[in-house]
Amino acid sequence: MQSLVTQIPADRIVDWDSFHAVFADCLGFPGYYGANMNAWIDCLTCADDADAGMISRPVASGELLTLQIDNAAAFAKRCPEQYEALVECAAFVNYRRVEVGHPPVLALLMIGSF
């Protein structure tokens, strides 16, 4: 299975506003992105649908979009609520796809000591 790795500079995340700004910037969410976790889930559920226009660099069908979370341990300590939401919502993106017969589309790669 092929994977596109997108680096997420978690050191720039300090609160919910910066969480959504960093992900929107790194993934190229559309201008109407709602900056909440439901909108985050919606955008990433369509990570392999170029016609949906939910991210700027969609992966091909059957491929994974890997989010490389830099300085993950420091992020988890600094922003435990956002870190937990990231892990849970990434899992939900894949669950929601599998429930309708599509393959998972999202992976997390945590860089930094825990």
N, C-alpha and C. Protein backbone atom coordinates (compact mmCIF):
# COMPACT_ATOMS: atom_id res chain seq x y z
N MET A 1 0.85 -1.18 0.00
CA MET A 1 0.00 0.00 0.00
C MET A 1 0.90 1.24 0.00
N GLN A 2 0.62 2.16 -0.89
CA GLN A 2 1.35 3.42 -0.98
C GLN A 2 0.87 4.38 0.10
N SER A 3 1.72 5.32 0.45
CA SER A 3 1.36 6.31 1.45
C SER A 3 1.99 7.65 1.09
N LEU A 4 1.22 8.70 1.27
CA LEU A 4 1.72 10.07 1.15
C LEU A 4 1.91 10.59 2.57
N VAL A 5 3.12 11.00 2.91
CA VAL A 5 3.40 11.50 4.26
C VAL A 5 3.34 13.02 4.25
N THR A 6 2.53 13.56 5.13
CA THR A 6 2.41 15.00 5.30
C THR A 6 2.86 15.35 6.71
N GLN A 7 3.84 16.22 6.79
CA GLN A 7 4.42 16.62 8.07
C GLN A 7 3.51 17.63 8.75
N ILE A 8 3.21 17.38 10.02
CA ILE A 8 2.40 18.30 10.82
C ILE A 8 3.29 18.84 11.94
N PRO A 9 3.64 20.11 11.91
CA PRO A 9 4.52 20.68 12.94
C PRO A 9 3.74 20.96 14.23
N ALA A 10 3.64 19.95 15.07
CA ALA A 10 2.83 20.05 16.28
C ALA A 10 3.36 21.09 17.26
N ASP A 11 4.62 21.50 17.12
CA ASP A 11 5.15 22.53 18.00
C ASP A 11 4.44 23.88 17.79
N ARG A 12 3.74 24.02 16.68
CA ARG A 12 2.97 25.25 16.41
C ARG A 12 1.56 25.20 17.02
N ILE A 13 1.20 24.06 17.60
CA ILE A 13 -0.15 23.90 18.17
C ILE A 13 -0.11 24.19 19.67
N VAL A 14 -0.92 25.16 20.09
CA VAL A 14 -1.00 25.52 21.51
C VAL A 14 -2.43 25.54 22.04
N ASP A 15 -3.41 25.50 21.14
CA ASP A 15 -4.82 25.55 21.53
C ASP A 15 -5.65 25.07 20.33
N TRP A 16 -6.97 25.15 20.47
CA TRP A 16 -7.83 24.66 19.38
C TRP A 16 -7.68 25.49 18.11
N ASP A 17 -7.59 26.81 18.25
CA ASP A 17 -7.45 27.65 17.07
C ASP A 17 -6.19 27.30 16.28
N SER A 18 -5.08 27.15 16.99
CA SER A 18 -3.84 26.83 16.29
C SER A 18 -3.85 25.40 15.76
N PHE A 19 -4.51 24.48 16.45
CA PHE A 19 -4.67 23.11 15.95
C PHE A 19 -5.30 23.13 14.56
N HIS A 20 -6.43 23.82 14.47
CA HIS A 20 -7.14 23.85 13.19
C HIS A 20 -6.38 24.65 12.13
N ALA A 21 -5.72 25.70 12.53
CA ALA A 21 -4.93 26.49 11.57
C ALA A 21 -3.77 25.68 11.01
N VAL A 22 -3.08 24.93 11.85
CA VAL A 22 -1.95 24.12 11.39
C VAL A 22 -2.43 23.03 10.42
N PHE A 23 -3.47 22.31 10.79
CA PHE A 23 -3.96 21.25 9.90
C PHE A 23 -4.51 21.82 8.60
N ALA A 24 -5.23 22.92 8.68
CA ALA A 24 -5.76 23.54 7.46
C ALA A 24 -4.63 23.98 6.54
N ASP A 25 -3.58 24.54 7.12
CA ASP A 25 -2.43 24.99 6.33
C ASP A 25 -1.68 23.80 5.72
N CYS A 26 -1.39 22.80 6.52
CA CYS A 26 -0.59 21.65 6.05
C CYS A 26 -1.33 20.77 5.05
N LEU A 27 -2.64 20.67 5.20
CA LEU A 27 -3.42 19.77 4.35
C LEU A 27 -4.20 20.50 3.26
N GLY A 28 -4.25 21.81 3.33
CA GLY A 28 -4.96 22.57 2.31
C GLY A 28 -6.46 22.38 2.35
N PHE A 29 -7.02 22.47 3.57
CA PHE A 29 -8.47 22.38 3.70
C PHE A 29 -9.11 23.54 2.93
N PRO A 30 -10.35 23.38 2.49
CA PRO A 30 -11.01 24.46 1.73
C PRO A 30 -11.26 25.69 2.60
N GLY A 31 -11.45 26.81 1.96
CA GLY A 31 -11.66 28.07 2.66
C GLY A 31 -12.86 28.07 3.59
N TYR A 32 -13.83 27.22 3.32
CA TYR A 32 -15.02 27.16 4.17
C TYR A 32 -14.88 26.16 5.31
N TYR A 33 -13.67 25.65 5.53
CA TYR A 33 -13.41 24.70 6.62
C TYR A 33 -13.93 25.29 7.93
N GLY A 34 -14.71 24.49 8.65
CA GLY A 34 -15.39 24.96 9.86
C GLY A 34 -14.55 25.06 11.12
N ALA A 35 -13.30 24.64 11.07
CA ALA A 35 -12.40 24.72 12.23
C ALA A 35 -12.98 24.06 13.48
N ASN A 36 -13.50 22.86 13.30
CA ASN A 36 -13.96 22.04 14.41
C ASN A 36 -13.68 20.59 14.03
N MET A 37 -13.80 19.69 14.99
CA MET A 37 -13.41 18.30 14.72
C MET A 37 -14.37 17.59 13.76
N ASN A 38 -15.62 17.98 13.72
CA ASN A 38 -16.53 17.39 12.73
C ASN A 38 -16.08 17.75 11.31
N ALA A 39 -15.70 19.00 11.12
CA ALA A 39 -15.21 19.44 9.81
C ALA A 39 -13.88 18.75 9.48
N TRP A 40 -13.00 18.59 10.48
CA TRP A 40 -11.71 17.90 10.30
C TRP A 40 -11.97 16.47 9.81
N ILE A 41 -12.89 15.79 10.47
CA ILE A 41 -13.25 14.42 10.08
C ILE A 41 -13.80 14.40 8.66
N ASP A 42 -14.68 15.32 8.33
CA ASP A 42 -15.26 15.37 6.98
C ASP A 42 -14.18 15.56 5.92
N CYS A 43 -13.25 16.49 6.17
CA CYS A 43 -12.19 16.74 5.19
C CYS A 43 -11.33 15.49 4.99
N LEU A 44 -10.94 14.84 6.07
CA LEU A 44 -10.03 13.71 5.95
C LEU A 44 -10.72 12.42 5.51
N THR A 45 -12.00 12.33 5.71
CA THR A 45 -12.74 11.18 5.19
C THR A 45 -12.66 11.16 3.67
N CYS A 46 -12.53 12.32 3.07
CA CYS A 46 -12.46 12.45 1.61
C CYS A 46 -11.03 12.61 1.10
N ALA A 47 -10.05 12.15 1.87
CA ALA A 47 -8.64 12.35 1.50
C ALA A 47 -8.24 11.66 0.21
N ASP A 48 -9.06 10.73 -0.26
CA ASP A 48 -8.75 10.04 -1.53
C ASP A 48 -9.74 10.39 -2.63
N ASP A 49 -10.43 11.49 -2.47
CA ASP A 49 -11.43 11.92 -3.45
C ASP A 49 -11.04 13.30 -3.99
N ALA A 50 -10.29 13.31 -5.07
CA ALA A 50 -9.81 14.58 -5.64
C ALA A 50 -10.97 15.51 -6.01
N ASP A 51 -12.09 14.95 -6.45
CA ASP A 51 -13.23 15.77 -6.86
C ASP A 51 -13.89 16.49 -5.68
N ALA A 52 -13.73 15.96 -4.47
CA ALA A 52 -14.35 16.57 -3.30
C ALA A 52 -13.67 17.88 -2.92
N GLY A 53 -12.40 18.03 -3.23
CA GLY A 53 -11.68 19.26 -2.94
C GLY A 53 -11.49 19.55 -1.47
N MET A 54 -11.42 18.52 -0.64
CA MET A 54 -11.32 18.72 0.80
C MET A 54 -9.89 18.87 1.30
N ILE A 55 -8.91 18.36 0.55
CA ILE A 55 -7.50 18.59 0.87
C ILE A 55 -6.78 18.90 -0.44
N SER A 56 -5.68 19.61 -0.34
CA SER A 56 -5.01 20.07 -1.56
C SER A 56 -4.25 18.96 -2.29
N ARG A 57 -3.78 17.94 -1.57
CA ARG A 57 -3.04 16.85 -2.21
C ARG A 57 -3.68 15.52 -1.84
N PRO A 58 -4.80 15.16 -2.46
CA PRO A 58 -5.45 13.89 -2.12
C PRO A 58 -4.59 12.71 -2.55
N VAL A 59 -4.77 11.60 -1.85
CA VAL A 59 -4.10 10.36 -2.21
C VAL A 59 -4.96 9.62 -3.21
N ALA A 60 -4.35 8.69 -3.92
CA ALA A 60 -5.11 7.85 -4.85
C ALA A 60 -5.97 6.86 -4.07
N SER A 61 -7.01 6.39 -4.68
CA SER A 61 -7.87 5.41 -4.06
C SER A 61 -7.05 4.20 -3.62
N GLY A 62 -7.25 3.75 -2.39
CA GLY A 62 -6.51 2.62 -1.86
C GLY A 62 -5.20 2.98 -1.18
N GLU A 63 -4.79 4.24 -1.27
CA GLU A 63 -3.56 4.69 -0.63
C GLU A 63 -3.88 5.33 0.72
N LEU A 64 -2.86 5.47 1.54
CA LEU A 64 -3.00 6.10 2.85
C LEU A 64 -2.40 7.50 2.85
N LEU A 65 -3.05 8.39 3.54
CA LEU A 65 -2.50 9.69 3.87
C LEU A 65 -1.93 9.53 5.28
N THR A 66 -0.61 9.63 5.41
CA THR A 66 0.03 9.51 6.72
C THR A 66 0.35 10.90 7.24
N LEU A 67 -0.16 11.19 8.43
CA LEU A 67 0.11 12.46 9.08
C LEU A 67 1.28 12.25 10.04
N GLN A 68 2.41 12.83 9.72
CA GLN A 68 3.59 12.73 10.57
C GLN A 68 3.52 13.85 11.60
N ILE A 69 3.29 13.46 12.85
CA ILE A 69 3.14 14.42 13.93
C ILE A 69 4.51 14.60 14.58
N ASP A 70 5.17 15.70 14.27
CA ASP A 70 6.48 16.00 14.82
C ASP A 70 6.36 16.43 16.28
N ASN A 71 7.34 16.03 17.08
CA ASN A 71 7.36 16.37 18.51
C ASN A 71 6.08 15.93 19.21
N ALA A 72 5.66 14.69 18.90
CA ALA A 72 4.37 14.19 19.40
C ALA A 72 4.29 14.14 20.92
N ALA A 73 5.35 13.72 21.59
CA ALA A 73 5.29 13.63 23.05
C ALA A 73 5.10 15.01 23.69
N ALA A 74 5.83 15.99 23.18
CA ALA A 74 5.67 17.34 23.71
C ALA A 74 4.27 17.87 23.41
N PHE A 75 3.76 17.57 22.24
CA PHE A 75 2.39 17.97 21.88
C PHE A 75 1.38 17.34 22.83
N ALA A 76 1.52 16.05 23.10
CA ALA A 76 0.60 15.34 23.99
C ALA A 76 0.61 15.95 25.39
N LYS A 77 1.78 16.34 25.84
CA LYS A 77 1.91 16.94 27.18
C LYS A 77 1.35 18.36 27.21
N ARG A 78 1.65 19.14 26.18
CA ARG A 78 1.24 20.54 26.11
C ARG A 78 -0.26 20.70 25.85
N CYS A 79 -0.79 19.85 24.98
CA CYS A 79 -2.19 19.97 24.53
C CYS A 79 -2.87 18.60 24.60
N PRO A 80 -3.08 18.07 25.80
CA PRO A 80 -3.64 16.71 25.90
C PRO A 80 -5.02 16.56 25.24
N GLU A 81 -5.83 17.58 25.31
CA GLU A 81 -7.18 17.51 24.72
C GLU A 81 -7.10 17.43 23.20
N GLN A 82 -6.26 18.24 22.60
CA GLN A 82 -6.10 18.23 21.16
C GLN A 82 -5.43 16.94 20.68
N TYR A 83 -4.44 16.48 21.43
CA TYR A 83 -3.76 15.23 21.09
C TYR A 83 -4.75 14.06 21.10
N GLU A 84 -5.52 13.96 22.16
CA GLU A 84 -6.51 12.87 22.27
C GLU A 84 -7.54 12.96 21.14
N ALA A 85 -7.99 14.16 20.83
CA ALA A 85 -8.95 14.34 19.74
C ALA A 85 -8.35 13.91 18.41
N LEU A 86 -7.09 14.24 18.19
CA LEU A 86 -6.42 13.83 16.95
C LEU A 86 -6.43 12.31 16.80
N VAL A 87 -6.04 11.61 17.84
CA VAL A 87 -5.98 10.14 17.78
C VAL A 87 -7.38 9.55 17.60
N GLU A 88 -8.33 10.01 18.39
CA GLU A 88 -9.69 9.47 18.31
C GLU A 88 -10.35 9.79 16.96
N CYS A 89 -10.18 11.00 16.48
CA CYS A 89 -10.83 11.39 15.23
C CYS A 89 -10.18 10.75 14.02
N ALA A 90 -8.87 10.53 14.06
CA ALA A 90 -8.21 9.80 12.98
C ALA A 90 -8.76 8.38 12.90
N ALA A 91 -8.93 7.75 14.06
CA ALA A 91 -9.52 6.41 14.09
C ALA A 91 -10.95 6.44 13.56
N PHE A 92 -11.70 7.48 13.91
CA PHE A 92 -13.09 7.57 13.45
C PHE A 92 -13.18 7.76 11.94
N VAL A 93 -12.24 8.52 11.36
CA VAL A 93 -12.22 8.68 9.90
C VAL A 93 -12.17 7.30 9.25
N ASN A 94 -11.26 6.46 9.70
CA ASN A 94 -11.13 5.12 9.11
C ASN A 94 -12.34 4.24 9.42
N TYR A 95 -12.85 4.31 10.64
CA TYR A 95 -14.03 3.53 11.02
C TYR A 95 -15.22 3.88 10.12
N ARG A 96 -15.43 5.15 9.92
CA ARG A 96 -16.58 5.59 9.13
C ARG A 96 -16.46 5.11 7.68
N ARG A 97 -15.23 5.08 7.16
CA ARG A 97 -15.01 4.59 5.79
C ARG A 97 -15.24 3.08 5.71
N VAL A 98 -14.69 2.35 6.66
CA VAL A 98 -14.83 0.89 6.65
C VAL A 98 -16.29 0.48 6.78
N GLU A 99 -17.04 1.22 7.57
CA GLU A 99 -18.47 0.92 7.75
C GLU A 99 -19.26 0.96 6.45
N VAL A 100 -18.79 1.73 5.47
CA VAL A 100 -19.49 1.81 4.18
C VAL A 100 -18.73 1.09 3.07
N GLY A 101 -17.78 0.24 3.45
CA GLY A 101 -17.09 -0.61 2.47
C GLY A 101 -15.87 0.00 1.81
N HIS A 102 -15.36 1.11 2.30
CA HIS A 102 -14.15 1.73 1.74
C HIS A 102 -12.95 1.37 2.61
N PRO A 103 -11.76 1.37 2.04
CA PRO A 103 -10.57 1.07 2.85
C PRO A 103 -10.20 2.25 3.73
N PRO A 104 -9.45 2.00 4.80
CA PRO A 104 -8.93 3.11 5.61
C PRO A 104 -8.11 4.05 4.73
N VAL A 105 -8.06 5.31 5.12
CA VAL A 105 -7.35 6.30 4.32
C VAL A 105 -6.33 7.09 5.13
N LEU A 106 -6.34 6.94 6.44
CA LEU A 106 -5.53 7.81 7.30
C LEU A 106 -4.66 7.01 8.24
N ALA A 107 -3.41 7.44 8.39
CA ALA A 107 -2.48 6.86 9.36
C ALA A 107 -1.79 7.99 10.10
N LEU A 108 -1.44 7.72 11.36
CA LEU A 108 -0.68 8.67 12.15
C LEU A 108 0.71 8.11 12.40
N LEU A 109 1.72 8.93 12.21
CA LEU A 109 3.09 8.59 12.50
C LEU A 109 3.59 9.57 13.55
N MET A 110 3.74 9.08 14.78
CA MET A 110 4.13 9.93 15.90
C MET A 110 5.65 9.95 16.01
N ILE A 111 6.25 11.12 15.84
CA ILE A 111 7.70 11.30 15.93
C ILE A 111 8.00 12.04 17.23
N GLY A 112 8.93 11.51 18.01
CA GLY A 112 9.31 12.13 19.28
C GLY A 112 9.05 11.16 20.42
N SER A 113 9.91 11.17 21.41
CA SER A 113 9.87 10.20 22.50
C SER A 113 8.63 10.37 23.36
N PHE A 114 8.16 9.22 23.84
CA PHE A 114 7.06 9.20 24.82
C PHE A 114 7.57 8.64 26.11
